[in-house]
């Protein structure tokens, strides 16, 4: 029977538990190294999932039903009227 891949939330919870244990500092060195390595792997897996989700969600559907590229929100005044976190001007 194939094991299902853990969800993003499950992986994040596991990473948080590892970080908490390592921050407490009462983990034997060998165990701490293993946990650290597992934490790095989880962190990389989570980053891949976030990047994939960002690409998937990086398109918007406009009022005409057409797909268009999403512009990241910034405080750069050259981005859609400035200061509006990428949502256009408040006119």
PDB file of N, CA and C in Angstrom:
ATOM      1  N   UNK A   1       0.841  -1.185   0.000  1.00  0.00           N
ATOM      2  CA  UNK A   1       0.000   0.000   0.000  1.00  0.00           C
ATOM      3  C   UNK A   1       0.885   1.247   0.000  1.00  0.00           C
ATOM      4  N   UNK A   2       0.619   2.158  -0.913  1.00  0.00           N
ATOM      5  CA  UNK A   2       1.421   3.371  -1.028  1.00  0.00           C
ATOM      6  C   UNK A   2       1.059   4.347   0.089  1.00  0.00           C
ATOM      7  N   UNK A   3       2.095   4.949   0.662  1.00  0.00           N
ATOM      8  CA  UNK A   3       1.837   5.931   1.713  1.00  0.00           C
ATOM      9  C   UNK A   3       1.544   7.272   1.066  1.00  0.00           C
ATOM     10  N   UNK A   4       0.579   7.996   1.627  1.00  0.00           N
ATOM     11  CA  UNK A   4       0.228   9.296   1.058  1.00  0.00           C
ATOM     12  C   UNK A   4       1.250  10.331   1.500  1.00  0.00           C
ATOM     13  N   UNK A   5       1.475  11.294   0.637  1.00  0.00           N
ATOM     14  CA  UNK A   5       2.409  12.373   0.944  1.00  0.00           C
ATOM     15  C   UNK A   5       1.783  13.292   1.983  1.00  0.00           C
ATOM     16  N   UNK A   6       2.560  13.686   2.992  1.00  0.00           N
ATOM     17  CA  UNK A   6       2.001  14.587   4.010  1.00  0.00           C
ATOM     18  C   UNK A   6       1.607  15.928   3.401  1.00  0.00           C
ATOM     19  N   UNK A   7       0.598  16.530   3.975  1.00  0.00           N
ATOM     20  CA  UNK A   7       0.138  17.831   3.502  1.00  0.00           C
ATOM     21  C   UNK A   7       1.141  18.910   3.895  1.00  0.00           C
ATOM     22  N   UNK A   8       0.969  20.076   3.297  1.00  0.00           N
ATOM     23  CA  UNK A   8       1.795  21.225   3.635  1.00  0.00           C
ATOM     24  C   UNK A   8       1.711  21.506   5.129  1.00  0.00           C
ATOM     25  N   UNK A   9       0.497  21.501   5.657  1.00  0.00           N
ATOM     26  CA  UNK A   9       0.277  21.815   7.067  1.00  0.00           C
ATOM     27  C   UNK A   9       0.935  20.781   7.981  1.00  0.00           C
ATOM     28  N   UNK A  10       0.862  19.504   7.594  1.00  0.00           N
ATOM     29  CA  UNK A  10       1.509  18.454   8.389  1.00  0.00           C
ATOM     30  C   UNK A  10       3.021  18.629   8.395  1.00  0.00           C
ATOM     31  N   UNK A  11       3.577  18.942   7.237  1.00  0.00           N
ATOM     32  CA  UNK A  11       5.017  19.161   7.152  1.00  0.00           C
ATOM     33  C   UNK A  11       5.428  20.391   7.955  1.00  0.00           C
ATOM     34  N   UNK A  12       4.640  21.446   7.883  1.00  0.00           N
ATOM     35  CA  UNK A  12       4.954  22.663   8.627  1.00  0.00           C
ATOM     36  C   UNK A  12       4.900  22.406  10.129  1.00  0.00           C
ATOM     37  N   UNK A  13       3.912  21.651  10.583  1.00  0.00           N
ATOM     38  CA  UNK A  13       3.803  21.299  12.004  1.00  0.00           C
ATOM     39  C   UNK A  13       5.015  20.502  12.452  1.00  0.00           C
ATOM     40  N   UNK A  14       5.444  19.572  11.621  1.00  0.00           N
ATOM     41  CA  UNK A  14       6.626  18.757  11.938  1.00  0.00           C
ATOM     42  C   UNK A  14       7.869  19.646  12.025  1.00  0.00           C
ATOM     43  N   UNK A  15       8.019  20.564  11.083  1.00  0.00           N
ATOM     44  CA  UNK A  15       9.163  21.473  11.103  1.00  0.00           C
ATOM     45  C   UNK A  15       9.140  22.343  12.356  1.00  0.00           C
ATOM     46  N   UNK A  16       7.977  22.835  12.728  1.00  0.00           N
ATOM     47  CA  UNK A  16       7.866  23.658  13.931  1.00  0.00           C
ATOM     48  C   UNK A  16       8.242  22.857  15.178  1.00  0.00           C
ATOM     49  N   UNK A  17       7.854  21.582  15.227  1.00  0.00           N
ATOM     50  CA  UNK A  17       8.201  20.730  16.367  1.00  0.00           C
ATOM     51  C   UNK A  17       9.713  20.528  16.441  1.00  0.00           C
ATOM     52  N   UNK A  18      10.344  20.326  15.304  1.00  0.00           N
ATOM     53  CA  UNK A  18      11.801  20.155  15.265  1.00  0.00           C
ATOM     54  C   UNK A  18      12.489  21.425  15.756  1.00  0.00           C
ATOM     55  N   UNK A  19      12.045  22.565  15.252  1.00  0.00           N
ATOM     56  CA  UNK A  19      12.639  23.840  15.667  1.00  0.00           C
ATOM     57  C   UNK A  19      12.487  24.033  17.172  1.00  0.00           C
ATOM     58  N   UNK A  20      11.301  23.755  17.694  1.00  0.00           N
ATOM     59  CA  UNK A  20      11.067  23.900  19.133  1.00  0.00           C
ATOM     60  C   UNK A  20      11.997  23.010  19.950  1.00  0.00           C
ATOM     61  N   UNK A  21      12.168  21.762  19.511  1.00  0.00           N
ATOM     62  CA  UNK A  21      13.054  20.833  20.236  1.00  0.00           C
ATOM     63  C   UNK A  21      14.499  21.320  20.199  1.00  0.00           C
ATOM     64  N   UNK A  22      14.935  21.769  19.028  1.00  0.00           N
ATOM     65  CA  UNK A  22      16.321  22.237  18.906  1.00  0.00           C
ATOM     66  C   UNK A  22      16.548  23.511  19.696  1.00  0.00           C
ATOM     67  N   UNK A  23      15.549  24.382  19.757  1.00  0.00           N
ATOM     68  CA  UNK A  23      15.695  25.627  20.519  1.00  0.00           C
ATOM     69  C   UNK A  23      15.801  25.367  22.013  1.00  0.00           C
ATOM     70  N   UNK A  24      15.179  24.297  22.487  1.00  0.00           N
ATOM     71  CA  UNK A  24      15.253  23.974  23.912  1.00  0.00           C
ATOM     72  C   UNK A  24      16.661  23.555  24.313  1.00  0.00           C
ATOM     73  N   UNK A  25      17.405  23.003  23.367  1.00  0.00           N
ATOM     74  CA  UNK A  25      18.806  22.695  23.596  1.00  0.00           C
ATOM     75  C   UNK A  25      19.093  21.460  24.423  1.00  0.00           C
ATOM     76  N   UNK A  26      18.096  20.675  24.769  1.00  0.00           N
ATOM     77  CA  UNK A  26      18.341  19.480  25.581  1.00  0.00           C
ATOM     78  C   UNK A  26      18.250  18.204  24.753  1.00  0.00           C
ATOM     79  N   UNK A  27      18.675  18.284  23.484  1.00  0.00           N
ATOM     80  CA  UNK A  27      18.676  17.144  22.578  1.00  0.00           C
ATOM     81  C   UNK A  27      20.122  16.678  22.414  1.00  0.00           C
ATOM     82  N   UNK A  28      20.375  15.372  22.526  1.00  0.00           N
ATOM     83  CA  UNK A  28      21.743  14.879  22.297  1.00  0.00           C
ATOM     84  C   UNK A  28      22.244  15.297  20.905  1.00  0.00           C
ATOM     85  N   UNK A  29      23.535  15.508  20.796  1.00  0.00           N
ATOM     86  CA  UNK A  29      24.137  16.029  19.569  1.00  0.00           C
ATOM     87  C   UNK A  29      23.743  15.219  18.333  1.00  0.00           C
ATOM     88  N   UNK A  30      23.837  13.909  18.406  1.00  0.00           N
ATOM     89  CA  UNK A  30      23.529  13.059  17.253  1.00  0.00           C
ATOM     90  C   UNK A  30      22.073  13.236  16.820  1.00  0.00           C
ATOM     91  N   UNK A  31      21.198  13.290  17.792  1.00  0.00           N
ATOM     92  CA  UNK A  31      19.778  13.481  17.509  1.00  0.00           C
ATOM     93  C   UNK A  31      19.531  14.883  16.945  1.00  0.00           C
ATOM     94  N   UNK A  32      20.222  15.865  17.494  1.00  0.00           N
ATOM     95  CA  UNK A  32      20.070  17.238  17.018  1.00  0.00           C
ATOM     96  C   UNK A  32      20.499  17.352  15.552  1.00  0.00           C
ATOM     97  N   UNK A  33      21.574  16.677  15.189  1.00  0.00           N
ATOM     98  CA  UNK A  33      22.052  16.698  13.797  1.00  0.00           C
ATOM     99  C   UNK A  33      21.018  16.062  12.883  1.00  0.00           C
ATOM    100  N   UNK A  34      20.467  14.916  13.298  1.00  0.00           N
ATOM    101  CA  UNK A  34      19.445  14.239  12.499  1.00  0.00           C
ATOM    102  C   UNK A  34      18.207  15.125  12.348  1.00  0.00           C
ATOM    103  N   UNK A  35      17.782  15.742  13.441  1.00  0.00           N
ATOM    104  CA  UNK A  35      16.610  16.613  13.388  1.00  0.00           C
ATOM    105  C   UNK A  35      16.872  17.829  12.510  1.00  0.00           C
ATOM    106  N   UNK A  36      18.072  18.372  12.619  1.00  0.00           N
ATOM    107  CA  UNK A  36      18.434  19.525  11.795  1.00  0.00           C
ATOM    108  C   UNK A  36      18.361  19.159  10.313  1.00  0.00           C
ATOM    109  N   UNK A  37      18.915  18.003   9.957  1.00  0.00           N
ATOM    110  CA  UNK A  37      18.888  17.559   8.564  1.00  0.00           C
ATOM    111  C   UNK A  37      17.456  17.335   8.080  1.00  0.00           C
ATOM    112  N   UNK A  38      16.623  16.738   8.941  1.00  0.00           N
ATOM    113  CA  UNK A  38      15.227  16.540   8.582  1.00  0.00           C
ATOM    114  C   UNK A  38      14.525  17.892   8.418  1.00  0.00           C
ATOM    115  N   UNK A  39      14.853  18.838   9.293  1.00  0.00           N
ATOM    116  CA  UNK A  39      14.279  20.176   9.198  1.00  0.00           C
ATOM    117  C   UNK A  39      14.650  20.867   7.901  1.00  0.00           C
ATOM    118  N   UNK A  40      15.889  20.721   7.477  1.00  0.00           N
ATOM    119  CA  UNK A  40      16.336  21.312   6.209  1.00  0.00           C
ATOM    120  C   UNK A  40      15.560  20.702   5.048  1.00  0.00           C
ATOM    121  N   UNK A  41      15.394  19.373   5.062  1.00  0.00           N
ATOM    122  CA  UNK A  41      14.641  18.697   4.000  1.00  0.00           C
ATOM    123  C   UNK A  41      13.193  19.177   3.990  1.00  0.00           C
ATOM    124  N   UNK A  42      12.573  19.260   5.164  1.00  0.00           N
ATOM    125  CA  UNK A  42      11.197  19.745   5.244  1.00  0.00           C
ATOM    126  C   UNK A  42      11.097  21.175   4.725  1.00  0.00           C
ATOM    127  N   UNK A  43      12.053  22.005   5.111  1.00  0.00           N
ATOM    128  CA  UNK A  43      12.063  23.396   4.680  1.00  0.00           C
ATOM    129  C   UNK A  43      12.129  23.490   3.153  1.00  0.00           C
ATOM    130  N   UNK A  44      12.975  22.693   2.536  1.00  0.00           N
ATOM    131  CA  UNK A  44      13.096  22.693   1.073  1.00  0.00           C
ATOM    132  C   UNK A  44      11.803  22.205   0.423  1.00  0.00           C
ATOM    133  N   UNK A  45      11.204  21.146   0.974  1.00  0.00           N
ATOM    134  CA  UNK A  45       9.946  20.631   0.436  1.00  0.00           C
ATOM    135  C   UNK A  45       8.834  21.676   0.545  1.00  0.00           C
ATOM    136  N   UNK A  46       8.774  22.348   1.691  1.00  0.00           N
ATOM    137  CA  UNK A  46       7.760  23.381   1.889  1.00  0.00           C
ATOM    138  C   UNK A  46       7.967  24.539   0.919  1.00  0.00           C
ATOM    139  N   UNK A  47       9.213  24.928   0.704  1.00  0.00           N
ATOM    140  CA  UNK A  47       9.499  26.019  -0.231  1.00  0.00           C
ATOM    141  C   UNK A  47       9.074  25.638  -1.644  1.00  0.00           C
ATOM    142  N   UNK A  48       9.313  24.388  -2.037  1.00  0.00           N
ATOM    143  CA  UNK A  48       8.885  23.928  -3.368  1.00  0.00           C
ATOM    144  C   UNK A  48       7.374  24.007  -3.496  1.00  0.00           C
ATOM    145  N   UNK A  49       6.663  23.590  -2.450  1.00  0.00           N
ATOM    146  CA  UNK A  49       5.201  23.640  -2.491  1.00  0.00           C
ATOM    147  C   UNK A  49       4.706  25.082  -2.573  1.00  0.00           C
ATOM    148  N   UNK A  50       5.341  25.980  -1.830  1.00  0.00           N
ATOM    149  CA  UNK A  50       4.946  27.388  -1.885  1.00  0.00           C
ATOM    150  C   UNK A  50       5.204  27.983  -3.264  1.00  0.00           C
ATOM    151  N   UNK A  51       6.338  27.656  -3.850  1.00  0.00           N
ATOM    152  CA  UNK A  51       6.674  28.154  -5.179  1.00  0.00           C
ATOM    153  C   UNK A  51       5.675  27.644  -6.203  1.00  0.00           C
ATOM    154  N   UNK A  52       5.320  26.377  -6.097  1.00  0.00           N
ATOM    155  CA  UNK A  52       4.343  25.786  -7.002  1.00  0.00           C
ATOM    156  C   UNK A  52       2.975  26.447  -6.836  1.00  0.00           C
ATOM    157  N   UNK A  53       2.574  26.676  -5.600  1.00  0.00           N
ATOM    158  CA  UNK A  53       1.286  27.326  -5.340  1.00  0.00           C
ATOM    159  C   UNK A  53       1.296  28.754  -5.873  1.00  0.00           C
ATOM    160  N   UNK A  54       2.416  29.442  -5.704  1.00  0.00           N
ATOM    161  CA  UNK A  54       2.525  30.810  -6.199  1.00  0.00           C
ATOM    162  C   UNK A  54       2.379  30.855  -7.716  1.00  0.00           C
ATOM    163  N   UNK A  55       2.987  29.889  -8.403  1.00  0.00           N
ATOM    164  CA  UNK A  55       2.868  29.828  -9.860  1.00  0.00           C
ATOM    165  C   UNK A  55       1.426  29.539 -10.265  1.00  0.00           C
ATOM    166  N   UNK A  56       0.782  28.629  -9.551  1.00  0.00           N
ATOM    167  CA  UNK A  56      -0.600  28.273  -9.858  1.00  0.00           C
ATOM    168  C   UNK A  56      -1.531  29.447  -9.627  1.00  0.00           C
ATOM    169  N   UNK A  57      -1.321  30.138  -8.524  1.00  0.00           N
ATOM    170  CA  UNK A  57      -2.196  31.249  -8.167  1.00  0.00           C
ATOM    171  C   UNK A  57      -1.750  32.567  -8.779  1.00  0.00           C
ATOM    172  N   UNK A  58      -0.671  32.536  -9.517  1.00  0.00           N
ATOM    173  CA  UNK A  58      -0.098  33.756 -10.077  1.00  0.00           C
ATOM    174  C   UNK A  58      -0.843  34.294 -11.279  1.00  0.00           C
ATOM    175  N   UNK A  59      -1.989  33.736 -11.572  1.00  0.00           N
ATOM    176  CA  UNK A  59      -2.801  34.225 -12.669  1.00  0.00           C
ATOM    177  C   UNK A  59      -4.166  34.620 -12.111  1.00  0.00           C
ATOM    178  N   UNK A  60      -4.684  35.684 -12.643  1.00  0.00           N
ATOM    179  CA  UNK A  60      -5.990  36.167 -12.226  1.00  0.00           C
ATOM    180  C   UNK A  60      -6.943  36.108 -13.408  1.00  0.00           C
ATOM    181  N   UNK A  61      -8.202  36.040 -13.111  1.00  0.00           N
ATOM    182  CA  UNK A  61      -9.218  36.103 -14.151  1.00  0.00           C
ATOM    183  C   UNK A  61      -9.835  37.503 -14.088  1.00  0.00           C
ATOM    184  N   UNK A  62      -9.783  38.218 -15.210  1.00  0.00           N
ATOM    185  CA  UNK A  62     -10.339  39.578 -15.213  1.00  0.00           C
ATOM    186  C   UNK A  62     -11.854  39.532 -15.403  1.00  0.00           C
ATOM    187  N   UNK A  63     -12.480  40.705 -15.456  1.00  0.00           N
ATOM    188  CA  UNK A  63     -13.936  40.800 -15.561  1.00  0.00           C
ATOM    189  C   UNK A  63     -14.483  40.160 -16.838  1.00  0.00           C
ATOM    190  N   UNK A  64     -13.659  40.054 -17.865  1.00  0.00           N
ATOM    191  CA  UNK A  64     -14.093  39.453 -19.126  1.00  0.00           C
ATOM    192  C   UNK A  64     -13.870  37.943 -19.155  1.00  0.00           C
ATOM    193  N   UNK A  65     -13.361  37.391 -18.054  1.00  0.00           N
ATOM    194  CA  UNK A  65     -13.100  35.952 -18.010  1.00  0.00           C
ATOM    195  C   UNK A  65     -11.771  35.560 -18.610  1.00  0.00           C
ATOM    196  N   UNK A  66     -10.947  36.555 -18.931  1.00  0.00           N
ATOM    197  CA  UNK A  66      -9.629  36.288 -19.508  1.00  0.00           C
ATOM    198  C   UNK A  66      -8.596  36.160 -18.407  1.00  0.00           C
ATOM    199  N   UNK A  67      -7.680  35.226 -18.601  1.00  0.00           N
ATOM    200  CA  UNK A  67      -6.600  35.027 -17.627  1.00  0.00           C
ATOM    201  C   UNK A  67      -5.508  36.049 -17.880  1.00  0.00           C
ATOM    202  N   UNK A  68      -4.987  36.629 -16.796  1.00  0.00           N
ATOM    203  CA  UNK A  68      -3.873  37.560 -16.936  1.00  0.00           C
ATOM    204  C   UNK A  68      -2.887  37.325 -15.804  1.00  0.00           C
ATOM    205  N   UNK A  69      -1.663  37.722 -16.042  1.00  0.00           N
ATOM    206  CA  UNK A  69      -0.585  37.541 -15.075  1.00  0.00           C
ATOM    207  C   UNK A  69      -0.814  38.427 -13.862  1.00  0.00           C
ATOM    208  N   UNK A  70      -0.580  37.902 -12.684  1.00  0.00           N
ATOM    209  CA  UNK A  70      -0.696  38.647 -11.439  1.00  0.00           C
ATOM    210  C   UNK A  70       0.579  39.431 -11.199  1.00  0.00           C
ATOM    211  N   UNK A  71       0.471  40.693 -10.836  1.00  0.00           N
ATOM    212  CA  UNK A  71       1.629  41.502 -10.485  1.00  0.00           C
ATOM    213  C   UNK A  71       1.789  41.478  -8.987  1.00  0.00           C
ATOM    214  N   UNK A  72       2.971  41.123  -8.538  1.00  0.00           N
ATOM    215  CA  UNK A  72       3.230  41.072  -7.098  1.00  0.00           C
ATOM    216  C   UNK A  72       3.013  42.436  -6.461  1.00  0.00           C
ATOM    217  N   UNK A  73       2.462  42.412  -5.269  1.00  0.00           N
ATOM    218  CA  UNK A  73       2.230  43.645  -4.523  1.00  0.00           C
ATOM    219  C   UNK A  73       3.549  44.192  -4.015  1.00  0.00           C
ATOM    220  N   UNK A  74       3.744  45.488  -4.223  1.00  0.00           N
ATOM    221  CA  UNK A  74       4.940  46.154  -3.720  1.00  0.00           C
ATOM    222  C   UNK A  74       4.564  47.566  -3.294  1.00  0.00           C
ATOM    223  N   UNK A  75       5.473  48.212  -2.640  1.00  0.00           N
ATOM    224  CA  UNK A  75       5.286  49.615  -2.301  1.00  0.00           C
ATOM    225  C   UNK A  75       5.906  50.523  -3.350  1.00  0.00           C
ATOM    226  N   UNK A  76       6.372  49.933  -4.438  1.00  0.00           N
ATOM    227  CA  UNK A  76       6.997  50.687  -5.520  1.00  0.00           C
ATOM    228  C   UNK A  76       5.946  51.562  -6.214  1.00  0.00           C
ATOM    229  N   UNK A  77       6.142  52.877  -6.251  1.00  0.00           N
ATOM    230  CA  UNK A  77       5.153  53.759  -6.871  1.00  0.00           C
ATOM    231  C   UNK A  77       4.909  53.460  -8.342  1.00  0.00           C
ATOM    232  N   UNK A  78       5.833  52.794  -9.015  1.00  0.00           N
ATOM    233  CA  UNK A  78       5.633  52.480 -10.430  1.00  0.00           C
ATOM    234  C   UNK A  78       4.721  51.279 -10.619  1.00  0.00           C
ATOM    235  N   UNK A  79       4.287  50.661  -9.532  1.00  0.00           N
ATOM    236  CA  UNK A  79       3.443  49.470  -9.617  1.00  0.00           C
ATOM    237  C   UNK A  79       1.978  49.844  -9.394  1.00  0.00           C
ATOM    238  N   UNK A  80       1.258  50.067 -10.471  1.00  0.00           N
ATOM    239  CA  UNK A  80      -0.194  50.291 -10.412  1.00  0.00           C
ATOM    240  C   UNK A  80      -0.614  51.442  -9.504  1.00  0.00           C
ATOM    241  N   UNK A  81      -0.047  52.568  -9.642  1.00  0.00           N
ATOM    242  CA  UNK A  81      -0.521  53.719  -8.901  1.00  0.00           C
ATOM    243  C   UNK A  81       0.143  53.944  -7.574  1.00  0.00           C
ATOM    244  N   UNK A  82       1.046  53.098  -7.197  1.00  0.00           N
ATOM    245  CA  UNK A  82       1.861  53.303  -6.012  1.00  0.00           C
ATOM    246  C   UNK A  82       1.154  53.154  -4.691  1.00  0.00           C
ATOM    247  N   UNK A  83       1.849  52.613  -3.739  1.00  0.00           N
ATOM    248  CA  UNK A  83       1.396  52.547  -2.364  1.00  0.00           C
ATOM    249  C   UNK A  83       0.134  51.744  -2.128  1.00  0.00           C
ATOM    250  N   UNK A  84      -0.468  51.197  -3.160  1.00  0.00           N
ATOM    251  CA  UNK A  84      -1.717  50.478  -2.989  1.00  0.00           C
ATOM    252  C   UNK A  84      -1.514  48.972  -2.999  1.00  0.00           C
ATOM    253  N   UNK A  85      -0.327  48.550  -2.701  1.00  0.00           N
ATOM    254  CA  UNK A  85       0.015  47.144  -2.551  1.00  0.00           C
ATOM    255  C   UNK A  85      -0.349  46.320  -3.786  1.00  0.00           C
ATOM    256  N   UNK A  86      -0.201  46.913  -4.988  1.00  0.00           N
ATOM    257  CA  UNK A  86      -0.394  46.181  -6.224  1.00  0.00           C
ATOM    258  C   UNK A  86      -1.824  46.059  -6.672  1.00  0.00           C
ATOM    259  N   UNK A  87      -2.760  46.813  -6.097  1.00  0.00           N
ATOM    260  CA  UNK A  87      -4.156  46.685  -6.445  1.00  0.00           C
ATOM    261  C   UNK A  87      -4.677  47.864  -7.271  1.00  0.00           C
ATOM    262  N   UNK A  88      -3.792  48.634  -7.851  1.00  0.00           N
ATOM    263  CA  UNK A  88      -4.207  49.751  -8.683  1.00  0.00           C
ATOM    264  C   UNK A  88      -4.493  50.990  -7.864  1.00  0.00           C
ATOM    265  N   UNK A  89      -4.831  52.063  -8.555  1.00  0.00           N
ATOM    266  CA  UNK A  89      -5.077  53.309  -7.840  1.00  0.00           C
ATOM    267  C   UNK A  89      -6.460  53.297  -7.211  1.00  0.00           C
ATOM    268  N   UNK A  90      -6.634  54.154  -6.228  1.00  0.00           N
ATOM    269  CA  UNK A  90      -7.889  54.201  -5.471  1.00  0.00           C
ATOM    270  C   UNK A  90      -8.873  55.185  -6.078  1.00  0.00           C
ATOM    271  N   UNK A  91      -8.686  55.544  -7.357  1.00  0.00           N
ATOM    272  CA  UNK A  91      -9.567  56.539  -7.991  1.00  0.00           C
ATOM    273  C   UNK A  91     -10.983  56.084  -8.004  1.00  0.00           C
TER     274      UNK A  91
END
